[in-house]
N, C-alpha and C. Protein backbone atom coordinates (compact mmCIF):
# COMPACT_ATOMS: atom_id res chain seq x y z
N UNK A 1 81.00 16.39 0.94
CA UNK A 1 79.82 15.70 0.45
C UNK A 1 80.28 14.36 -0.13
N UNK A 2 79.59 13.29 0.30
CA UNK A 2 79.95 11.96 -0.22
C UNK A 2 79.24 11.70 -1.54
N UNK A 3 79.52 10.55 -2.07
CA UNK A 3 79.01 10.20 -3.40
C UNK A 3 77.48 10.13 -3.42
N UNK A 4 76.83 9.49 -2.38
CA UNK A 4 75.37 9.37 -2.33
C UNK A 4 74.72 10.73 -2.16
N UNK A 5 75.29 11.56 -1.34
CA UNK A 5 74.76 12.90 -1.15
C UNK A 5 74.80 13.71 -2.42
N UNK A 6 75.85 13.53 -3.19
CA UNK A 6 75.98 14.24 -4.45
C UNK A 6 74.89 13.82 -5.43
N UNK A 7 74.59 12.50 -5.49
CA UNK A 7 73.55 12.00 -6.41
C UNK A 7 72.20 12.56 -5.99
N UNK A 8 71.92 12.58 -4.69
CA UNK A 8 70.66 13.11 -4.20
C UNK A 8 70.56 14.60 -4.49
N UNK A 9 71.66 15.33 -4.26
CA UNK A 9 71.67 16.76 -4.51
C UNK A 9 71.46 17.06 -5.99
N UNK A 10 72.03 16.23 -6.85
CA UNK A 10 71.88 16.48 -8.28
C UNK A 10 70.45 16.15 -8.74
N UNK A 11 69.84 15.12 -8.15
CA UNK A 11 68.44 14.79 -8.52
C UNK A 11 67.51 15.90 -8.09
N UNK A 12 67.66 16.40 -6.89
CA UNK A 12 66.84 17.50 -6.39
C UNK A 12 67.05 18.74 -7.25
N UNK A 13 68.28 18.99 -7.61
CA UNK A 13 68.59 20.15 -8.44
C UNK A 13 67.95 20.01 -9.81
N UNK A 14 68.00 18.83 -10.40
CA UNK A 14 67.36 18.61 -11.71
C UNK A 14 65.85 18.79 -11.62
N UNK A 15 65.22 18.26 -10.53
CA UNK A 15 63.76 18.38 -10.37
C UNK A 15 63.35 19.84 -10.19
N UNK A 16 64.18 20.62 -9.50
CA UNK A 16 63.87 22.04 -9.33
C UNK A 16 63.95 22.76 -10.66
N UNK A 17 64.92 22.38 -11.44
CA UNK A 17 65.06 23.02 -12.74
C UNK A 17 63.92 22.63 -13.67
N UNK A 18 63.40 21.39 -13.55
CA UNK A 18 62.30 20.93 -14.40
C UNK A 18 60.95 21.43 -13.88
N UNK A 19 60.90 22.00 -12.69
CA UNK A 19 59.64 22.53 -12.15
C UNK A 19 58.81 21.49 -11.42
N UNK A 20 59.41 20.38 -11.05
CA UNK A 20 58.67 19.33 -10.35
C UNK A 20 58.74 19.62 -8.86
N UNK A 21 57.61 19.53 -8.22
CA UNK A 21 57.52 19.79 -6.79
C UNK A 21 57.96 18.54 -6.03
N UNK A 22 58.78 18.71 -5.02
CA UNK A 22 59.20 17.56 -4.21
C UNK A 22 58.03 16.94 -3.47
N UNK A 23 57.04 17.72 -3.10
CA UNK A 23 55.87 17.20 -2.40
C UNK A 23 55.11 16.21 -3.29
N UNK A 24 55.03 16.44 -4.58
CA UNK A 24 54.32 15.54 -5.49
C UNK A 24 55.00 14.18 -5.54
N UNK A 25 56.29 14.14 -5.51
CA UNK A 25 56.97 12.84 -5.54
C UNK A 25 56.75 12.09 -4.25
N UNK A 26 56.62 12.77 -3.12
CA UNK A 26 56.38 12.10 -1.86
C UNK A 26 54.97 11.49 -1.84
N UNK A 27 53.95 12.16 -2.42
CA UNK A 27 52.58 11.65 -2.45
C UNK A 27 52.44 10.44 -3.35
N UNK A 28 53.30 10.26 -4.28
CA UNK A 28 53.20 9.13 -5.19
C UNK A 28 53.62 7.83 -4.52
N UNK A 29 54.19 7.90 -3.36
CA UNK A 29 54.66 6.70 -2.67
C UNK A 29 53.51 5.89 -2.09
N UNK A 30 52.38 6.45 -1.67
CA UNK A 30 51.26 5.71 -1.09
C UNK A 30 50.44 6.58 -0.16
N UNK A 31 49.56 5.91 0.61
CA UNK A 31 48.67 6.61 1.53
C UNK A 31 49.34 6.73 2.89
N UNK A 32 49.00 7.79 3.58
CA UNK A 32 49.49 7.94 4.95
C UNK A 32 48.54 7.21 5.89
N UNK A 33 49.00 7.01 7.11
CA UNK A 33 48.18 6.34 8.11
C UNK A 33 46.90 7.14 8.40
N UNK A 34 46.99 8.45 8.40
CA UNK A 34 45.81 9.28 8.64
C UNK A 34 44.78 9.12 7.54
N UNK A 35 45.22 9.05 6.31
CA UNK A 35 44.28 8.87 5.20
C UNK A 35 43.56 7.53 5.31
N UNK A 36 44.28 6.50 5.68
CA UNK A 36 43.65 5.18 5.83
C UNK A 36 42.67 5.19 6.99
N UNK A 37 43.01 5.83 8.09
CA UNK A 37 42.11 5.89 9.25
C UNK A 37 40.83 6.66 8.91
N UNK A 38 40.98 7.76 8.19
CA UNK A 38 39.80 8.55 7.79
C UNK A 38 38.90 7.72 6.88
N UNK A 39 39.48 6.99 5.95
CA UNK A 39 38.69 6.14 5.05
C UNK A 39 37.97 5.05 5.82
N UNK A 40 38.62 4.45 6.82
CA UNK A 40 37.96 3.43 7.64
C UNK A 40 36.81 4.00 8.46
N UNK A 41 37.00 5.19 9.00
CA UNK A 41 35.94 5.82 9.79
C UNK A 41 34.74 6.14 8.89
N UNK A 42 34.99 6.67 7.71
CA UNK A 42 33.90 7.00 6.79
C UNK A 42 33.16 5.73 6.37
N UNK A 43 33.88 4.66 6.04
CA UNK A 43 33.21 3.42 5.64
C UNK A 43 32.44 2.81 6.81
N UNK A 44 32.95 2.94 8.04
CA UNK A 44 32.22 2.46 9.21
C UNK A 44 30.93 3.21 9.43
N UNK A 45 30.96 4.52 9.25
CA UNK A 45 29.76 5.34 9.41
C UNK A 45 28.73 4.96 8.34
N UNK A 46 29.16 4.77 7.11
CA UNK A 46 28.24 4.37 6.04
C UNK A 46 27.64 3.00 6.30
N UNK A 47 28.46 2.07 6.78
CA UNK A 47 27.96 0.74 7.11
C UNK A 47 26.95 0.80 8.24
N UNK A 48 27.24 1.58 9.27
CA UNK A 48 26.32 1.71 10.39
C UNK A 48 25.01 2.36 9.97
N UNK A 49 25.05 3.23 8.97
CA UNK A 49 23.83 3.89 8.50
C UNK A 49 22.99 2.97 7.62
N UNK A 50 23.61 2.10 6.85
CA UNK A 50 22.87 1.25 5.91
C UNK A 50 22.47 -0.10 6.49
N UNK A 51 23.11 -0.55 7.56
CA UNK A 51 22.79 -1.85 8.13
C UNK A 51 21.34 -1.97 8.58
N UNK A 52 20.76 -0.98 9.27
CA UNK A 52 19.34 -1.09 9.63
C UNK A 52 18.42 -1.17 8.42
N UNK A 53 18.79 -0.54 7.34
CA UNK A 53 17.97 -0.62 6.13
C UNK A 53 17.96 -2.05 5.60
N UNK A 54 19.12 -2.67 5.53
CA UNK A 54 19.21 -4.04 5.03
C UNK A 54 18.48 -5.03 5.93
N UNK A 55 18.61 -4.87 7.25
CA UNK A 55 17.91 -5.78 8.15
C UNK A 55 16.40 -5.58 8.06
N UNK A 56 15.95 -4.34 7.88
CA UNK A 56 14.51 -4.09 7.71
C UNK A 56 13.97 -4.73 6.45
N UNK A 57 14.72 -4.66 5.37
CA UNK A 57 14.31 -5.30 4.13
C UNK A 57 14.26 -6.82 4.31
N UNK A 58 15.23 -7.37 5.01
CA UNK A 58 15.27 -8.82 5.24
C UNK A 58 14.07 -9.27 6.08
N UNK A 59 13.73 -8.49 7.12
CA UNK A 59 12.56 -8.85 7.94
C UNK A 59 11.28 -8.79 7.11
N UNK A 60 11.17 -7.78 6.27
CA UNK A 60 9.99 -7.69 5.40
C UNK A 60 9.91 -8.86 4.44
N UNK A 61 11.05 -9.28 3.93
CA UNK A 61 11.07 -10.45 3.04
C UNK A 61 10.59 -11.70 3.78
N UNK A 62 11.07 -11.90 5.01
CA UNK A 62 10.67 -13.09 5.78
C UNK A 62 9.18 -13.07 6.09
N UNK A 63 8.63 -11.90 6.42
CA UNK A 63 7.19 -11.81 6.69
C UNK A 63 6.38 -12.12 5.44
N UNK A 64 6.80 -11.60 4.30
CA UNK A 64 6.11 -11.89 3.04
C UNK A 64 6.20 -13.37 2.70
N UNK A 65 7.36 -13.96 2.93
CA UNK A 65 7.54 -15.39 2.64
C UNK A 65 6.61 -16.22 3.51
N UNK A 66 6.54 -15.91 4.80
CA UNK A 66 5.66 -16.66 5.70
C UNK A 66 4.19 -16.49 5.29
N UNK A 67 3.81 -15.26 4.97
CA UNK A 67 2.42 -15.01 4.58
C UNK A 67 2.07 -15.81 3.33
N UNK A 68 2.95 -15.80 2.34
CA UNK A 68 2.68 -16.54 1.10
C UNK A 68 2.66 -18.05 1.33
N UNK A 69 3.57 -18.55 2.17
CA UNK A 69 3.57 -19.98 2.45
C UNK A 69 2.32 -20.40 3.21
N UNK A 70 1.85 -19.56 4.12
CA UNK A 70 0.61 -19.86 4.83
C UNK A 70 -0.57 -19.88 3.86
N UNK A 71 -0.63 -18.90 2.97
CA UNK A 71 -1.73 -18.86 2.01
C UNK A 71 -1.70 -20.08 1.09
N UNK A 72 -0.51 -20.46 0.64
CA UNK A 72 -0.41 -21.63 -0.23
C UNK A 72 -0.79 -22.90 0.53
N UNK A 73 -0.35 -23.00 1.77
CA UNK A 73 -0.68 -24.17 2.58
C UNK A 73 -2.19 -24.28 2.78
N UNK A 74 -2.82 -23.16 3.08
CA UNK A 74 -4.28 -23.16 3.26
C UNK A 74 -5.00 -23.52 1.96
N UNK A 75 -4.53 -22.97 0.87
CA UNK A 75 -5.15 -23.27 -0.42
C UNK A 75 -5.03 -24.74 -0.78
N UNK A 76 -3.85 -25.31 -0.58
CA UNK A 76 -3.64 -26.73 -0.88
C UNK A 76 -4.49 -27.61 0.02
N UNK A 77 -4.54 -27.30 1.30
CA UNK A 77 -5.34 -28.09 2.24
C UNK A 77 -6.83 -27.97 1.92
N UNK A 78 -7.30 -26.77 1.70
CA UNK A 78 -8.71 -26.56 1.40
C UNK A 78 -9.14 -27.25 0.12
N UNK A 79 -8.30 -27.16 -0.90
CA UNK A 79 -8.64 -27.81 -2.16
C UNK A 79 -8.65 -29.34 -2.04
N UNK A 80 -7.69 -29.87 -1.30
CA UNK A 80 -7.62 -31.33 -1.12
C UNK A 80 -8.86 -31.85 -0.40
N UNK A 81 -9.23 -31.20 0.69
CA UNK A 81 -10.41 -31.64 1.45
C UNK A 81 -11.69 -31.42 0.63
N UNK A 82 -11.79 -30.30 -0.05
CA UNK A 82 -12.98 -30.02 -0.86
C UNK A 82 -13.13 -31.05 -1.98
N UNK A 83 -12.04 -31.39 -2.66
CA UNK A 83 -12.11 -32.41 -3.71
C UNK A 83 -12.51 -33.77 -3.16
N UNK A 84 -12.01 -34.10 -1.97
CA UNK A 84 -12.36 -35.39 -1.36
C UNK A 84 -13.85 -35.43 -1.01
N UNK A 85 -14.37 -34.35 -0.45
CA UNK A 85 -15.79 -34.31 -0.09
C UNK A 85 -16.65 -34.31 -1.35
N UNK A 86 -16.24 -33.56 -2.35
CA UNK A 86 -17.02 -33.45 -3.58
C UNK A 86 -17.22 -34.82 -4.25
N UNK A 87 -16.20 -35.64 -4.23
CA UNK A 87 -16.27 -36.94 -4.92
C UNK A 87 -16.63 -38.09 -3.99
N UNK A 88 -16.96 -37.81 -2.74
CA UNK A 88 -17.22 -38.87 -1.75
C UNK A 88 -18.60 -39.47 -1.89
N UNK A 89 -18.67 -40.74 -1.56
CA UNK A 89 -19.96 -41.42 -1.46
C UNK A 89 -20.63 -41.01 -0.15
N UNK A 90 -19.85 -41.04 0.94
CA UNK A 90 -20.34 -40.58 2.23
C UNK A 90 -19.24 -39.79 2.93
N UNK A 91 -19.67 -38.81 3.71
CA UNK A 91 -18.76 -38.01 4.53
C UNK A 91 -19.33 -37.98 5.93
N UNK A 92 -18.47 -38.17 6.92
CA UNK A 92 -18.93 -38.19 8.30
C UNK A 92 -17.89 -37.49 9.18
N UNK A 93 -18.40 -36.64 10.08
CA UNK A 93 -17.52 -36.00 11.05
C UNK A 93 -17.54 -36.83 12.32
N UNK A 94 -16.36 -37.31 12.71
CA UNK A 94 -16.25 -38.15 13.90
C UNK A 94 -16.11 -37.30 15.15
N UNK A 95 -16.37 -37.89 16.31
CA UNK A 95 -16.30 -37.15 17.57
C UNK A 95 -14.87 -36.70 17.89
N UNK A 96 -13.87 -37.34 17.31
CA UNK A 96 -12.47 -36.97 17.54
C UNK A 96 -12.04 -35.76 16.73
N UNK A 97 -12.92 -35.26 15.87
CA UNK A 97 -12.59 -34.13 15.01
C UNK A 97 -12.11 -34.56 13.63
N UNK A 98 -11.93 -35.86 13.45
CA UNK A 98 -11.52 -36.37 12.14
C UNK A 98 -12.72 -36.37 11.19
N UNK A 99 -12.41 -36.27 9.92
CA UNK A 99 -13.43 -36.38 8.88
C UNK A 99 -13.20 -37.70 8.17
N UNK A 100 -14.25 -38.49 8.11
CA UNK A 100 -14.19 -39.79 7.44
C UNK A 100 -14.85 -39.65 6.07
N UNK A 101 -14.07 -39.95 5.03
CA UNK A 101 -14.55 -39.82 3.66
C UNK A 101 -14.50 -41.20 3.00
N UNK A 102 -15.65 -41.65 2.53
CA UNK A 102 -15.72 -42.94 1.82
C UNK A 102 -16.02 -42.64 0.36
N UNK A 103 -15.22 -43.19 -0.53
CA UNK A 103 -15.38 -42.96 -1.97
C UNK A 103 -15.03 -44.22 -2.74
N UNK A 104 -15.37 -44.20 -4.02
CA UNK A 104 -15.02 -45.32 -4.88
C UNK A 104 -13.71 -45.00 -5.58
N UNK A 105 -12.77 -45.94 -5.51
CA UNK A 105 -11.48 -45.73 -6.18
C UNK A 105 -11.60 -46.06 -7.67
N UNK A 106 -10.49 -46.06 -8.37
CA UNK A 106 -10.49 -46.29 -9.82
C UNK A 106 -10.99 -47.69 -10.19
N UNK A 107 -10.87 -48.63 -9.29
CA UNK A 107 -11.32 -50.00 -9.55
C UNK A 107 -12.77 -50.22 -9.14
N UNK A 108 -13.42 -49.18 -8.61
CA UNK A 108 -14.82 -49.28 -8.22
C UNK A 108 -15.03 -49.79 -6.81
N UNK A 109 -13.97 -49.96 -6.06
CA UNK A 109 -14.10 -50.46 -4.68
C UNK A 109 -14.20 -49.29 -3.72
N UNK A 110 -14.97 -49.49 -2.65
CA UNK A 110 -15.11 -48.45 -1.64
C UNK A 110 -13.81 -48.32 -0.84
N UNK A 111 -13.37 -47.09 -0.67
CA UNK A 111 -12.12 -46.79 0.04
C UNK A 111 -12.40 -45.70 1.06
N UNK A 112 -11.73 -45.78 2.20
CA UNK A 112 -11.95 -44.81 3.28
C UNK A 112 -10.67 -44.01 3.53
N UNK A 113 -10.85 -42.70 3.65
CA UNK A 113 -9.77 -41.79 4.04
C UNK A 113 -10.21 -41.02 5.27
N UNK A 114 -9.24 -40.62 6.08
CA UNK A 114 -9.50 -39.78 7.25
C UNK A 114 -8.65 -38.52 7.11
N UNK A 115 -9.25 -37.38 7.44
CA UNK A 115 -8.54 -36.09 7.42
C UNK A 115 -8.57 -35.51 8.83
N UNK A 116 -7.40 -35.07 9.30
CA UNK A 116 -7.30 -34.51 10.66
C UNK A 116 -6.01 -33.71 10.80
N UNK A 117 -5.94 -32.91 11.87
CA UNK A 117 -4.75 -32.11 12.18
C UNK A 117 -4.02 -32.77 13.34
N UNK A 118 -2.71 -32.92 13.16
CA UNK A 118 -1.88 -33.54 14.20
C UNK A 118 -0.41 -33.22 13.93
N UNK A 119 0.42 -33.51 14.91
CA UNK A 119 1.87 -33.37 14.76
C UNK A 119 2.48 -34.77 14.83
N UNK A 120 2.24 -35.54 13.80
CA UNK A 120 2.69 -36.94 13.79
C UNK A 120 4.18 -37.09 13.55
N UNK A 121 4.83 -36.09 12.98
CA UNK A 121 6.27 -36.18 12.77
C UNK A 121 7.06 -35.52 13.90
N UNK A 122 6.38 -35.02 14.92
CA UNK A 122 6.97 -34.47 16.14
C UNK A 122 8.03 -33.39 15.88
N UNK A 123 7.72 -32.50 14.94
CA UNK A 123 8.62 -31.39 14.66
C UNK A 123 8.10 -30.07 15.25
N UNK A 124 7.01 -30.14 16.01
CA UNK A 124 6.44 -28.95 16.62
C UNK A 124 5.49 -28.19 15.72
N UNK A 125 5.26 -28.68 14.51
CA UNK A 125 4.38 -28.03 13.55
C UNK A 125 3.20 -28.95 13.27
N UNK A 126 1.99 -28.42 13.49
CA UNK A 126 0.80 -29.22 13.20
C UNK A 126 0.56 -29.22 11.70
N UNK A 127 0.20 -30.37 11.18
CA UNK A 127 -0.06 -30.55 9.76
C UNK A 127 -1.45 -31.14 9.57
N UNK A 128 -2.01 -30.91 8.40
CA UNK A 128 -3.25 -31.58 8.02
C UNK A 128 -2.85 -32.90 7.37
N UNK A 129 -3.39 -34.00 7.89
CA UNK A 129 -3.04 -35.33 7.39
C UNK A 129 -4.21 -35.96 6.66
N UNK A 130 -3.87 -36.72 5.65
CA UNK A 130 -4.81 -37.61 4.97
C UNK A 130 -4.33 -39.02 5.28
N UNK A 131 -5.18 -39.76 5.96
CA UNK A 131 -4.82 -41.13 6.32
C UNK A 131 -5.59 -42.08 5.41
N UNK A 132 -4.86 -42.68 4.49
CA UNK A 132 -5.45 -43.67 3.58
C UNK A 132 -5.11 -45.05 4.15
N UNK A 133 -3.94 -45.51 3.94
CA UNK A 133 -3.43 -46.70 4.61
C UNK A 133 -2.40 -46.23 5.65
N UNK A 134 -1.59 -45.27 5.22
CA UNK A 134 -0.56 -44.68 6.07
C UNK A 134 -0.83 -43.17 6.11
N UNK A 135 -0.71 -42.53 7.28
CA UNK A 135 -0.92 -41.08 7.34
C UNK A 135 0.15 -40.33 6.54
N UNK A 136 -0.30 -39.39 5.75
CA UNK A 136 0.65 -38.56 5.00
C UNK A 136 0.19 -37.10 5.09
N UNK A 137 1.15 -36.19 5.30
CA UNK A 137 0.76 -34.78 5.44
C UNK A 137 0.30 -34.18 4.12
N UNK A 138 -0.74 -33.37 4.21
CA UNK A 138 -1.26 -32.65 3.05
C UNK A 138 -0.69 -31.24 3.02
N UNK A 139 -0.69 -30.57 4.18
CA UNK A 139 -0.21 -29.19 4.28
C UNK A 139 0.29 -28.94 5.70
N UNK A 140 1.30 -28.09 5.81
CA UNK A 140 1.90 -27.77 7.11
C UNK A 140 1.31 -26.50 7.69
N UNK A 141 1.57 -26.29 8.98
CA UNK A 141 1.19 -25.11 9.75
C UNK A 141 -0.33 -24.96 9.91
N UNK A 142 -1.08 -26.03 9.72
CA UNK A 142 -2.53 -25.97 9.90
C UNK A 142 -2.82 -26.20 11.39
N UNK A 143 -3.28 -25.16 12.07
CA UNK A 143 -3.51 -25.26 13.51
C UNK A 143 -4.94 -25.65 13.85
N UNK A 144 -5.86 -25.42 12.92
CA UNK A 144 -7.26 -25.73 13.19
C UNK A 144 -7.94 -26.19 11.90
N UNK A 145 -8.76 -27.23 12.03
CA UNK A 145 -9.49 -27.78 10.89
C UNK A 145 -10.88 -28.18 11.37
N UNK A 146 -11.89 -27.52 10.83
CA UNK A 146 -13.28 -27.82 11.19
C UNK A 146 -14.05 -28.02 9.90
N UNK A 147 -14.79 -29.11 9.87
CA UNK A 147 -15.60 -29.42 8.69
C UNK A 147 -16.99 -29.83 9.18
N UNK A 148 -17.99 -29.02 8.88
CA UNK A 148 -19.36 -29.27 9.35
C UNK A 148 -20.31 -29.38 8.18
N UNK A 149 -21.31 -30.25 8.35
CA UNK A 149 -22.36 -30.38 7.34
C UNK A 149 -23.42 -29.34 7.67
N UNK A 150 -23.53 -28.32 6.82
CA UNK A 150 -24.46 -27.22 7.03
C UNK A 150 -25.89 -27.67 6.75
N UNK A 151 -26.06 -28.37 5.67
CA UNK A 151 -27.33 -29.01 5.30
C UNK A 151 -26.96 -30.30 4.58
N UNK A 152 -27.89 -31.19 4.37
CA UNK A 152 -27.54 -32.48 3.77
C UNK A 152 -26.79 -32.32 2.43
N UNK A 153 -25.56 -32.82 2.42
CA UNK A 153 -24.74 -32.78 1.21
C UNK A 153 -23.94 -31.51 1.03
N UNK A 154 -24.12 -30.50 1.90
CA UNK A 154 -23.37 -29.24 1.80
C UNK A 154 -22.46 -29.11 3.02
N UNK A 155 -21.17 -29.04 2.78
CA UNK A 155 -20.17 -29.01 3.84
C UNK A 155 -19.43 -27.68 3.87
N UNK A 156 -19.20 -27.18 5.07
CA UNK A 156 -18.41 -25.97 5.25
C UNK A 156 -17.06 -26.38 5.84
N UNK A 157 -16.00 -25.91 5.18
CA UNK A 157 -14.63 -26.24 5.62
C UNK A 157 -14.00 -24.95 6.15
N UNK A 158 -13.42 -25.04 7.36
CA UNK A 158 -12.71 -23.90 7.95
C UNK A 158 -11.31 -24.37 8.33
N UNK A 159 -10.31 -23.65 7.85
CA UNK A 159 -8.92 -23.96 8.15
C UNK A 159 -8.22 -22.72 8.70
N UNK A 160 -7.34 -22.91 9.66
CA UNK A 160 -6.52 -21.83 10.21
C UNK A 160 -5.07 -22.30 10.19
N UNK A 161 -4.20 -21.43 9.71
CA UNK A 161 -2.77 -21.73 9.69
C UNK A 161 -2.03 -20.64 10.45
N UNK A 162 -1.03 -21.04 11.23
CA UNK A 162 -0.23 -20.10 12.01
C UNK A 162 1.24 -20.43 11.86
N UNK A 163 2.05 -19.35 11.70
CA UNK A 163 3.50 -19.53 11.62
C UNK A 163 4.18 -18.19 11.82
N UNK A 164 5.15 -18.16 12.69
CA UNK A 164 5.97 -16.97 12.90
C UNK A 164 5.18 -15.74 13.29
N UNK A 165 4.16 -15.90 14.13
CA UNK A 165 3.37 -14.76 14.57
C UNK A 165 2.29 -14.34 13.59
N UNK A 166 2.21 -14.98 12.45
CA UNK A 166 1.17 -14.66 11.48
C UNK A 166 0.08 -15.73 11.53
N UNK A 167 -1.14 -15.31 11.31
CA UNK A 167 -2.28 -16.23 11.35
C UNK A 167 -3.18 -15.94 10.16
N UNK A 168 -3.49 -16.96 9.40
CA UNK A 168 -4.37 -16.82 8.23
C UNK A 168 -5.47 -17.86 8.34
N UNK A 169 -6.62 -17.52 7.78
CA UNK A 169 -7.71 -18.50 7.78
C UNK A 169 -8.29 -18.63 6.37
N UNK A 170 -8.93 -19.75 6.15
CA UNK A 170 -9.54 -20.06 4.86
C UNK A 170 -10.83 -20.80 5.16
N UNK A 171 -11.86 -20.48 4.40
CA UNK A 171 -13.10 -21.25 4.53
C UNK A 171 -13.76 -21.38 3.17
N UNK A 172 -14.46 -22.45 3.03
CA UNK A 172 -15.13 -22.71 1.77
C UNK A 172 -16.32 -23.63 1.97
N UNK A 173 -17.20 -23.61 0.99
CA UNK A 173 -18.36 -24.49 1.00
C UNK A 173 -18.22 -25.44 -0.19
N UNK A 174 -18.58 -26.69 0.04
CA UNK A 174 -18.49 -27.67 -1.04
C UNK A 174 -19.73 -28.56 -1.00
N UNK A 175 -20.26 -28.82 -2.18
CA UNK A 175 -21.44 -29.68 -2.33
C UNK A 175 -20.97 -31.08 -2.65
N UNK A 176 -21.45 -32.02 -1.86
CA UNK A 176 -21.09 -33.43 -2.06
C UNK A 176 -21.90 -33.96 -3.25
N UNK A 177 -21.18 -34.49 -4.21
CA UNK A 177 -21.82 -35.10 -5.38
C UNK A 177 -21.71 -36.60 -5.22
N UNK A 178 -22.78 -37.22 -4.84
CA UNK A 178 -22.77 -38.64 -4.58
C UNK A 178 -22.66 -39.40 -5.89
N UNK A 179 -21.55 -40.10 -6.03
CA UNK A 179 -21.32 -40.94 -7.21
C UNK A 179 -21.43 -42.40 -6.79
N UNK A 180 -22.39 -43.08 -7.29
CA UNK A 180 -22.56 -44.51 -6.89
C UNK A 180 -21.88 -45.44 -7.83
């Protein structure tokens, strides 16, 4: 027996006398390849089981976001047009589908605005525009805008917004208060 063998034999002999199992010292070194593979398989199965849940939650979030943005867009557009008609001196529906609103500005001068739906920024999304001097968008995703005079001074506004397969509509009645 050489010197190294003697040291190993004496260590094993001491561990046997102390009641320590040789198997326990081997396990303290780390994980075996089989243990790592089993852990990877279990984590893969758990990931595969939970991934559809997370994607379903994400799709639901996107649908709720689109629905809320459409509702907000319709509300903003409807309120803007209703306020313009309410304070207008004259309102006229043109043959092009535009609404012409004439009102007095803060200085008392007559000013004309036009409201219509168009894709003036060429992004594929129709917007409701207010054209004062320069066209500016009021609300996005507005696919339809109809404003009819039901009776003298009473206007019905109908708006439709579409985005991502969802479609919402809004309608309201507004009484024109002629301010001279």
